[in-house]
Amino acid sequence: MDVRVGAGRAGSATGGTDRPGRTSPSPPLREGASICVLEVADQGPGLSPEAADRVFERFYRADPSRSHEHGGSGLGLAIASAIAQGHGGRLELETATGAGCVFRLVLPAAGPGPD
């Protein structure tokens, strides 16, 4: 697992905007806006496009074999996404089957208002 922290401008390479292969329940940030980024990446099996489309839904678990006894209620990503939106940012996922996952928290560097 890799964790990266940085700053930059919202765009297709850095995050905060929509592009193919990137999923988020939140609206995109303005292209070029100053952002702070926190990424968590793994080299796991990744998610199918169908699972990626649903991963931010409340109570959804991509692995149906996981029960409540073995951890996870399916609320974590929905809550984290709502918190990100409350701060003017967004939580996003980039994944492909067999290619791991990158979860990215993108927040405006200057707060929710204009830079």
C-alpha atoms as a PDB file:
ATOM      1  CA  MET A   1       0.000   0.000   0.000  1.00  0.00           C
ATOM      2  CA  ASP A   2       1.290   3.475  -0.888  1.00  0.00           C
ATOM      3  CA  VAL A   3       0.223   6.798   0.610  1.00  0.00           C
ATOM      4  CA  ARG A   4       0.961  10.051  -1.200  1.00  0.00           C
ATOM      5  CA  VAL A   5       0.308  13.634  -0.098  1.00  0.00           C
ATOM      6  CA  GLY A   6       0.694  16.647  -2.338  1.00  0.00           C
ATOM      7  CA  ALA A   7      -0.685  19.818  -3.819  1.00  0.00           C
ATOM      8  CA  GLY A   8      -1.296  21.014  -7.336  1.00  0.00           C
ATOM      9  CA  ARG A   9      -4.032  22.030  -9.726  1.00  0.00           C
ATOM     10  CA  ALA A  10      -7.219  20.068 -10.416  1.00  0.00           C
ATOM     11  CA  GLY A  11      -7.016  18.191 -13.695  1.00  0.00           C
ATOM     12  CA  SER A  12      -7.141  14.807 -15.350  1.00  0.00           C
ATOM     13  CA  ALA A  13      -3.631  13.844 -14.166  1.00  0.00           C
ATOM     14  CA  THR A  14      -3.842  15.143 -10.587  1.00  0.00           C
ATOM     15  CA  GLY A  15      -7.481  14.538  -9.640  1.00  0.00           C
ATOM     16  CA  GLY A  16     -10.536  16.565  -8.824  1.00  0.00           C
ATOM     17  CA  THR A  17     -12.021  16.374 -12.310  1.00  0.00           C
ATOM     18  CA  ASP A  18     -13.903  13.660 -14.170  1.00  0.00           C
ATOM     19  CA  ARG A  19     -12.246  11.373 -16.703  1.00  0.00           C
ATOM     20  CA  PRO A  20     -12.683   7.797 -17.918  1.00  0.00           C
ATOM     21  CA  GLY A  21     -11.720   5.290 -15.224  1.00  0.00           C
ATOM     22  CA  ARG A  22     -12.281   7.760 -12.368  1.00  0.00           C
ATOM     23  CA  THR A  23     -15.387   7.390 -10.178  1.00  0.00           C
ATOM     24  CA  SER A  24     -16.775   9.872  -7.663  1.00  0.00           C
ATOM     25  CA  PRO A  25     -20.240  10.633  -6.314  1.00  0.00           C
ATOM     26  CA  SER A  26     -19.249  14.319  -6.043  1.00  0.00           C
ATOM     27  CA  PRO A  27     -19.244  16.975  -8.750  1.00  0.00           C
ATOM     28  CA  PRO A  28     -15.869  17.795 -10.294  1.00  0.00           C
ATOM     29  CA  LEU A  29     -13.814  20.726  -9.085  1.00  0.00           C
ATOM     30  CA  ARG A  30     -12.974  23.575 -11.429  1.00  0.00           C
ATOM     31  CA  GLU A  31     -10.172  22.614 -13.823  1.00  0.00           C
ATOM     32  CA  GLY A  32      -6.971  24.323 -12.650  1.00  0.00           C
ATOM     33  CA  ALA A  33      -8.217  25.080  -9.111  1.00  0.00           C
ATOM     34  CA  SER A  34      -5.560  24.858  -6.369  1.00  0.00           C
ATOM     35  CA  ILE A  35      -5.941  21.550  -4.539  1.00  0.00           C
ATOM     36  CA  CYS A  36      -4.464  19.435  -1.768  1.00  0.00           C
ATOM     37  CA  VAL A  37      -4.429  15.697  -2.444  1.00  0.00           C
ATOM     38  CA  LEU A  38      -4.159  12.597  -0.278  1.00  0.00           C
ATOM     39  CA  GLU A  39      -3.942   9.267  -2.133  1.00  0.00           C
ATOM     40  CA  VAL A  40      -3.991   5.711  -0.869  1.00  0.00           C
ATOM     41  CA  ALA A  41      -3.074   3.108  -3.492  1.00  0.00           C
ATOM     42  CA  ASP A  42      -2.849  -0.673  -3.410  1.00  0.00           C
ATOM     43  CA  GLN A  43      -1.712  -3.343  -5.818  1.00  0.00           C
ATOM     44  CA  GLY A  44      -4.711  -5.587  -5.183  1.00  0.00           C
ATOM     45  CA  PRO A  45      -7.091  -7.124  -7.703  1.00  0.00           C
ATOM     46  CA  GLY A  46      -8.889  -3.841  -8.406  1.00  0.00           C
ATOM     47  CA  LEU A  47     -12.620  -3.517  -8.911  1.00  0.00           C
ATOM     48  CA  SER A  48     -14.854  -4.244 -11.833  1.00  0.00           C
ATOM     49  CA  PRO A  49     -16.509  -1.216 -13.485  1.00  0.00           C
ATOM     50  CA  GLU A  50     -19.827  -2.294 -11.926  1.00  0.00           C
ATOM     51  CA  ALA A  51     -18.364  -2.451  -8.398  1.00  0.00           C
ATOM     52  CA  ALA A  52     -16.518   0.869  -8.912  1.00  0.00           C
ATOM     53  CA  ASP A  53     -19.827   2.542  -9.844  1.00  0.00           C
ATOM     54  CA  ARG A  54     -21.395   1.356  -6.561  1.00  0.00           C
ATOM     55  CA  VAL A  55     -18.510   1.561  -4.071  1.00  0.00           C
ATOM     56  CA  PHE A  56     -19.631   4.933  -2.609  1.00  0.00           C
ATOM     57  CA  GLU A  57     -23.204   3.720  -1.971  1.00  0.00           C
ATOM     58  CA  ARG A  58     -24.225   3.261   1.652  1.00  0.00           C
ATOM     59  CA  PHE A  59     -24.094  -0.370   2.802  1.00  0.00           C
ATOM     60  CA  TYR A  60     -22.470  -1.595  -0.427  1.00  0.00           C
ATOM     61  CA  ARG A  61     -19.611  -4.074  -0.040  1.00  0.00           C
ATOM     62  CA  ALA A  62     -17.683  -5.078  -3.154  1.00  0.00           C
ATOM     63  CA  ASP A  63     -16.834  -8.453  -1.598  1.00  0.00           C
ATOM     64  CA  PRO A  64     -20.154 -10.192  -0.848  1.00  0.00           C
ATOM     65  CA  SER A  65     -18.376 -12.885   1.177  1.00  0.00           C
ATOM     66  CA  ARG A  66     -17.545 -10.332   3.901  1.00  0.00           C
ATOM     67  CA  SER A  67     -20.119 -10.365   6.656  1.00  0.00           C
ATOM     68  CA  HIS A  68     -20.684  -7.929   9.489  1.00  0.00           C
ATOM     69  CA  GLU A  69     -18.860 -10.374  11.769  1.00  0.00           C
ATOM     70  CA  HIS A  70     -15.713 -10.063   9.644  1.00  0.00           C
ATOM     71  CA  GLY A  71     -15.690  -6.279   9.491  1.00  0.00           C
ATOM     72  CA  GLY A  72     -17.220  -3.543   7.444  1.00  0.00           C
ATOM     73  CA  SER A  73     -20.708  -2.150   7.366  1.00  0.00           C
ATOM     74  CA  GLY A  74     -20.377  -0.574   3.929  1.00  0.00           C
ATOM     75  CA  LEU A  75     -20.652   2.966   5.314  1.00  0.00           C
ATOM     76  CA  GLY A  76     -17.042   4.185   5.404  1.00  0.00           C
ATOM     77  CA  LEU A  77     -16.677   5.487   1.846  1.00  0.00           C
ATOM     78  CA  ALA A  78     -20.157   7.050   1.840  1.00  0.00           C
ATOM     79  CA  ILE A  79     -19.337   8.943   5.051  1.00  0.00           C
ATOM     80  CA  ALA A  80     -15.868   9.982   3.855  1.00  0.00           C
ATOM     81  CA  SER A  81     -17.338  11.238   0.583  1.00  0.00           C
ATOM     82  CA  ALA A  82     -19.968  13.316   2.396  1.00  0.00           C
ATOM     83  CA  ILE A  83     -17.273  14.861   4.614  1.00  0.00           C
ATOM     84  CA  ALA A  84     -15.139  15.691   1.559  1.00  0.00           C
ATOM     85  CA  GLN A  85     -18.124  17.360  -0.131  1.00  0.00           C
ATOM     86  CA  GLY A  86     -18.826  19.317   3.053  1.00  0.00           C
ATOM     87  CA  HIS A  87     -15.351  20.815   2.723  1.00  0.00           C
ATOM     88  CA  GLY A  88     -15.811  21.676  -0.964  1.00  0.00           C
ATOM     89  CA  GLY A  89     -13.838  18.670  -2.208  1.00  0.00           C
ATOM     90  CA  ARG A  90     -14.424  15.131  -3.310  1.00  0.00           C
ATOM     91  CA  LEU A  91     -13.386  11.533  -2.781  1.00  0.00           C
ATOM     92  CA  GLU A  92     -12.615   9.611  -5.940  1.00  0.00           C
ATOM     93  CA  LEU A  93     -11.569   6.143  -7.047  1.00  0.00           C
ATOM     94  CA  GLU A  94      -9.420   5.033  -9.947  1.00  0.00           C
ATOM     95  CA  THR A  95      -9.381   1.291 -10.565  1.00  0.00           C
ATOM     96  CA  ALA A  96      -9.491  -1.440 -13.150  1.00  0.00           C
ATOM     97  CA  THR A  97      -9.806  -5.182 -12.748  1.00  0.00           C
ATOM     98  CA  GLY A  98      -6.323  -6.516 -12.018  1.00  0.00           C
ATOM     99  CA  ALA A  99      -4.794  -3.038 -11.597  1.00  0.00           C
ATOM    100  CA  GLY A 100      -5.359  -2.185  -7.921  1.00  0.00           C
ATOM    101  CA  CYS A 101      -7.189   0.841  -6.528  1.00  0.00           C
ATOM    102  CA  VAL A 102      -6.296   4.454  -5.886  1.00  0.00           C
ATOM    103  CA  PHE A 103      -8.584   6.331  -3.510  1.00  0.00           C
ATOM    104  CA  ARG A 104      -7.967  10.066  -3.668  1.00  0.00           C
ATOM    105  CA  LEU A 105      -9.198  12.778  -1.316  1.00  0.00           C
ATOM    106  CA  VAL A 106      -9.100  16.113  -3.150  1.00  0.00           C
ATOM    107  CA  LEU A 107      -9.720  19.337  -1.206  1.00  0.00           C
ATOM    108  CA  PRO A 108      -9.560  22.936  -2.406  1.00  0.00           C
ATOM    109  CA  ALA A 109      -6.319  24.518  -1.153  1.00  0.00           C
ATOM    110  CA  ALA A 110      -8.034  27.839  -0.445  1.00  0.00           C
ATOM    111  CA  GLY A 111     -11.227  26.436   1.143  1.00  0.00           C
ATOM    112  CA  PRO A 112     -14.613  25.930  -0.524  1.00  0.00           C
ATOM    113  CA  GLY A 113     -14.702  29.461  -1.978  1.00  0.00           C
ATOM    114  CA  PRO A 114     -12.907  30.779  -5.071  1.00  0.00           C
ATOM    115  CA  ASP A 115      -9.092  30.804  -4.989  1.00  0.00           C
END
